[in-house]
Protein backbone atom coordinates (compact mmCIF):
# COMPACT_ATOMS: atom_id res chain seq x y z
CA MET A 1 0.01 0.00 0.00
CA THR A 2 1.25 3.49 -0.83
CA THR A 3 2.18 5.62 2.15
CA ALA A 4 -0.41 8.30 2.82
CA THR A 5 0.59 11.93 2.48
CA SER A 6 -1.05 15.18 3.50
CA GLY A 7 -3.28 16.77 0.91
CA THR A 8 -5.10 19.92 -0.03
CA GLY A 9 -8.03 20.70 -2.30
CA TRP A 10 -11.25 18.74 -2.52
CA PRO A 11 -10.26 15.99 -0.03
CA ASP A 12 -10.08 18.65 2.69
CA GLY A 13 -13.33 20.36 1.71
CA PRO A 14 -16.96 19.55 2.49
CA MET A 15 -18.52 16.36 1.13
CA LEU A 16 -21.80 14.53 1.61
CA ALA A 17 -21.69 10.75 2.07
CA LEU A 18 -24.80 8.76 1.18
CA ASP A 19 -25.61 5.14 1.96
CA LEU A 20 -28.78 3.08 1.63
CA GLU A 21 -29.88 -0.32 2.97
CA THR A 22 -32.56 -1.88 0.82
CA THR A 23 -34.86 -4.80 0.13
CA GLY A 24 -32.81 -6.37 -2.64
CA ILE A 25 -29.94 -6.28 -5.11
CA ASP A 26 -31.82 -5.10 -8.23
CA PRO A 27 -31.67 -1.29 -8.23
CA GLU A 28 -34.72 -1.09 -10.48
CA SER A 29 -37.00 -2.77 -7.94
CA ALA A 30 -35.24 -2.43 -4.57
CA ARG A 31 -36.91 -0.27 -1.91
CA ILE A 32 -35.09 1.77 0.72
CA VAL A 33 -35.20 0.38 4.26
CA SER A 34 -32.71 2.69 5.92
CA ALA A 35 -30.52 5.57 4.81
CA ALA A 36 -27.85 7.91 6.06
CA ALA A 37 -26.48 11.18 4.74
CA VAL A 38 -23.35 12.39 6.53
CA SER A 39 -21.75 15.80 6.06
CA ILE A 40 -17.97 15.52 6.12
CA GLY A 41 -15.49 18.33 6.61
CA VAL A 42 -18.01 20.82 7.95
CA SER A 43 -18.95 22.00 11.44
CA SER A 44 -22.62 22.57 10.65
CA SER A 45 -25.28 20.75 12.63
CA PRO A 46 -26.61 18.15 12.23
CA PRO A 47 -23.58 16.40 10.68
CA ALA A 48 -25.66 13.29 9.96
CA CYS A 49 -29.24 12.52 8.96
CA THR A 50 -30.54 8.97 9.33
CA TRP A 51 -33.83 7.39 8.35
CA LEU A 52 -35.60 4.11 9.07
CA VAL A 53 -38.10 3.48 6.31
CA ASP A 54 -41.25 1.42 5.93
CA PRO A 55 -40.81 0.34 2.31
CA GLY A 56 -44.46 -0.69 1.95
CA ILE A 57 -43.52 -4.24 0.94
CA GLU A 58 -42.21 -7.35 2.68
CA ILE A 59 -38.48 -7.24 3.37
CA PRO A 60 -37.07 -10.56 2.10
CA ALA A 61 -35.34 -12.74 4.66
CA GLU A 62 -32.09 -12.59 2.70
CA ALA A 63 -32.13 -8.77 2.91
CA THR A 64 -32.85 -8.85 6.63
CA ALA A 65 -29.90 -11.22 7.04
CA VAL A 66 -27.68 -8.49 5.57
CA HIS A 67 -28.85 -5.36 7.40
CA GLY A 68 -30.88 -6.79 10.29
CA ILE A 69 -34.09 -4.88 9.65
CA THR A 70 -37.30 -6.93 9.58
CA THR A 71 -40.61 -6.11 7.93
CA ASP A 72 -42.27 -5.74 11.34
CA GLN A 73 -39.54 -3.43 12.63
CA ALA A 74 -39.71 -1.23 9.55
CA ALA A 75 -43.52 -1.06 9.70
CA THR A 76 -43.56 -0.30 13.44
CA ASP A 77 -40.63 2.06 13.80
CA GLY A 78 -40.04 3.33 10.28
CA ARG A 79 -41.68 6.19 8.43
CA PRO A 80 -43.46 5.76 5.10
CA ALA A 81 -41.18 5.92 2.09
CA ALA A 82 -43.39 8.67 0.62
CA GLU A 83 -42.30 10.90 3.53
CA VAL A 84 -38.66 9.90 3.67
CA VAL A 85 -37.66 9.84 -0.01
CA PRO A 86 -38.23 13.63 -0.42
CA GLU A 87 -36.04 14.26 2.63
CA ILE A 88 -33.16 12.11 1.34
CA THR A 89 -33.41 13.74 -2.08
CA ALA A 90 -33.43 17.18 -0.45
CA GLU A 91 -30.15 16.39 1.32
CA LEU A 92 -28.64 15.31 -2.00
CA ASN A 93 -29.90 18.50 -3.70
CA ARG A 94 -28.55 20.65 -0.87
CA ALA A 95 -25.06 19.21 -1.28
CA LEU A 96 -25.09 19.46 -5.07
CA ALA A 97 -26.30 23.05 -4.97
CA ALA A 98 -23.39 23.91 -2.66
CA GLY A 99 -20.95 22.24 -5.04
CA TRP A 100 -20.07 19.48 -2.57
CA PRO A 101 -18.85 16.16 -3.95
CA LEU A 102 -21.24 13.33 -3.18
CA VAL A 103 -19.44 10.27 -1.81
CA VAL A 104 -21.26 7.03 -2.67
CA PHE A 105 -19.69 3.57 -2.61
CA ARG A 106 -20.80 1.71 -5.75
CA ALA A 107 -22.74 4.74 -6.79
CA PRO A 108 -24.78 3.24 -9.67
CA TYR A 109 -26.65 0.98 -7.28
CA ALA A 110 -27.45 3.49 -4.52
CA LEU A 111 -28.22 6.45 -6.77
CA THR A 112 -30.37 4.35 -9.10
CA VAL A 113 -32.35 3.01 -6.15
CA LEU A 114 -32.93 6.55 -4.91
CA ALA A 115 -33.85 7.80 -8.38
CA ARG A 116 -36.40 4.99 -8.86
CA GLU A 117 -37.84 5.60 -5.42
CA ALA A 118 -38.17 9.30 -6.27
CA ALA A 119 -40.02 8.45 -9.46
CA ARG A 120 -42.21 5.98 -7.57
CA HIS A 121 -43.28 8.69 -5.12
CA GLY A 122 -43.51 11.64 -7.51
CA VAL A 123 -40.36 13.36 -6.18
CA ASP A 124 -38.21 15.45 -8.52
CA PHE A 125 -34.76 13.96 -8.92
CA PRO A 126 -31.81 16.01 -10.23
CA ALA A 127 -31.20 15.59 -13.95
CA GLU A 128 -27.47 15.38 -13.28
CA VAL A 129 -25.80 14.05 -10.14
CA ALA A 130 -22.28 15.46 -10.09
CA PRO A 131 -19.63 15.54 -8.86
CA VAL A 132 -19.62 12.05 -7.35
CA ILE A 133 -16.70 10.35 -5.64
CA ASP A 134 -16.98 6.54 -5.73
CA PRO A 135 -14.28 4.85 -3.65
CA SER A 136 -14.97 1.55 -5.36
CA VAL A 137 -14.11 2.98 -8.78
CA LEU A 138 -11.09 4.87 -7.47
CA ASP A 139 -9.66 1.81 -5.71
CA LYS A 140 -10.01 -0.43 -8.75
CA HIS A 141 -8.33 2.22 -10.87
CA VAL A 142 -5.32 2.88 -8.67
CA ASP A 143 -4.73 -0.75 -7.61
CA ARG A 144 -6.18 -2.79 -10.43
CA TYR A 145 -4.36 -6.07 -9.79
CA ARG A 146 -4.55 -6.28 -6.02
CA ARG A 147 -5.83 -9.64 -4.89
CA GLY A 148 -8.65 -10.02 -2.43
CA ARG A 149 -12.17 -8.72 -1.94
CA ARG A 150 -13.23 -5.18 -2.84
CA THR A 151 -16.17 -4.85 -0.47
CA LEU A 152 -16.55 -1.72 1.64
CA PRO A 153 -15.24 -3.39 4.83
CA ALA A 154 -12.29 -4.82 2.86
CA LEU A 155 -11.38 -1.41 1.47
CA CYS A 156 -11.65 0.15 4.90
CA GLU A 157 -9.28 -2.48 6.26
CA HIS A 158 -6.83 -2.03 3.39
CA TYR A 159 -6.74 1.76 3.66
CA GLN A 160 -6.89 1.72 7.48
CA VAL A 161 -10.23 3.50 7.71
CA ARG A 162 -12.43 2.87 10.75
CA HIS A 163 -15.59 0.90 10.00
CA ASP A 164 -17.54 -0.26 13.02
CA GLY A 165 -20.38 -2.18 11.41
CA PRO A 166 -20.93 -3.31 7.82
CA ASN A 167 -24.40 -3.04 6.27
CA GLN A 168 -25.53 -0.32 8.68
CA ALA A 169 -26.37 2.84 6.76
CA ILE A 170 -24.69 5.26 9.15
CA GLU A 171 -21.48 3.20 9.49
CA ASP A 172 -21.27 2.58 5.73
CA ALA A 173 -21.78 6.29 5.07
CA LEU A 174 -19.04 7.14 7.58
CA ALA A 175 -16.76 4.86 5.61
CA ALA A 176 -16.70 7.76 3.14
CA ARG A 177 -13.51 8.55 5.04
CA LEU A 178 -12.14 6.47 2.15
CA ALA A 179 -12.67 9.56 -0.02
CA TRP A 180 -10.30 11.35 2.32
CA ARG A 181 -7.78 8.52 2.55
CA LEU A 182 -7.51 7.48 -1.10
CA PRO A 183 -6.16 10.81 -2.40
CA ARG A 184 -3.56 10.77 0.32
CA ALA A 185 -2.42 7.30 -0.64
CA HIS A 186 -2.58 8.28 -4.34
CA PRO A 187 -1.93 12.07 -4.57
CA HIS A 188 -2.68 12.33 -8.28
CA LEU A 189 -6.36 11.92 -7.36
CA ALA A 190 -6.23 15.01 -5.15
CA ALA A 191 -4.63 16.99 -8.00
CA LEU A 192 -7.81 16.65 -10.08
CA ASP A 193 -10.71 19.00 -9.40
CA PRO A 194 -13.97 17.24 -8.53
CA ALA A 195 -15.60 17.86 -11.95
CA THR A 196 -12.59 16.39 -13.78
CA LEU A 197 -12.39 13.47 -11.37
CA HIS A 198 -16.11 12.81 -11.94
CA THR A 199 -15.52 12.62 -15.72
CA GLN A 200 -12.49 10.40 -15.26
CA GLN A 201 -14.49 8.02 -13.07
CA GLN A 202 -17.05 7.67 -15.85
CA THR A 203 -14.28 6.39 -18.12
CA TRP A 204 -12.72 4.19 -15.47
CA ALA A 205 -16.09 2.72 -14.43
CA ALA A 206 -16.91 1.83 -18.05
CA GLU A 207 -13.54 0.11 -18.42
CA GLN A 208 -14.09 -1.78 -15.17
CA ALA A 209 -17.59 -2.85 -16.22
CA HIS A 210 -16.23 -4.16 -19.52
CA GLY A 211 -13.56 -6.16 -17.71
CA LEU A 212 -16.09 -7.60 -15.29
CA GLN A 213 -18.43 -8.53 -18.11
CA GLN A 214 -15.62 -10.34 -19.94
CA HIS A 215 -14.82 -12.22 -16.73
CA LEU A 216 -18.45 -13.21 -16.05
CA ARG A 217 -19.02 -14.38 -19.61
CA ARG A 218 -16.39 -17.06 -19.19
CA THR A 219 -18.99 -18.98 -17.20
CA ASP A 220 -22.23 -17.30 -18.36
CA PRO A 221 -22.37 -16.14 -22.02
CA THR A 222 -25.52 -14.11 -21.29
CA ALA A 223 -24.05 -12.12 -18.40
CA THR A 224 -24.29 -8.36 -18.72
CA VAL A 225 -22.95 -5.53 -16.60
CA HIS A 226 -24.37 -2.04 -17.03
CA PRO A 227 -21.53 0.40 -17.79
CA ALA A 228 -23.40 3.53 -16.71
CA TRP A 229 -21.91 5.57 -13.85
CA PRO A 230 -22.86 7.14 -11.50
CA LEU A 231 -26.54 6.47 -12.31
CA ILE A 232 -28.26 3.92 -14.54
CA PRO A 233 -30.58 5.79 -16.95
CA ALA A 234 -34.28 5.08 -16.65
CA THR A 235 -35.67 2.95 -19.44
CA THR A 236 -39.04 4.69 -19.57
């Protein structure tokens, strides 16, 4: 691992980290069960917003096994998605309007889920979500051939970032510290302004998607990986 160095520029400025826990792995149909939006690098209050959501559908057992939230718990203690989705979207809009980078691990999944939920509940969603910092894309770009898993906990361990509980929205959002650590381990990332880095990530993500698709098709000729980043376009 490259030795971390001090940095200036966007890594030291304000960012908003977003994480969602959901009902499933398909971003087109998954519903939000919990969410966290954490302001990083600012002293404003509150630094974090969290939500427990009643998705309005059964939470599959396999999803509960991941994040620990049951259908009964969400229905009893959560708020209706129709109330929460506008609030999450408002936090995203607030950060984008201020020019803050949005830190989202595996952005196409989380942002697509949020965009589809917004459409489902009649909430306006920004036409363009930028700039986005996706630690998953950055890590694969700077350390392409490293062996081992590339999950969020694995990246936190590799880059020595504190992560107290995987698959909890607030802890996963706080793992956006990766967006602070990565440019220090790889200073050329810090040298790019957020808009340029956003554009670069679009290219890198497309290359990574192509490589993953080639790998998957060795065992499944029908396998497809969507190359869009940071958001999968709506089909309708």
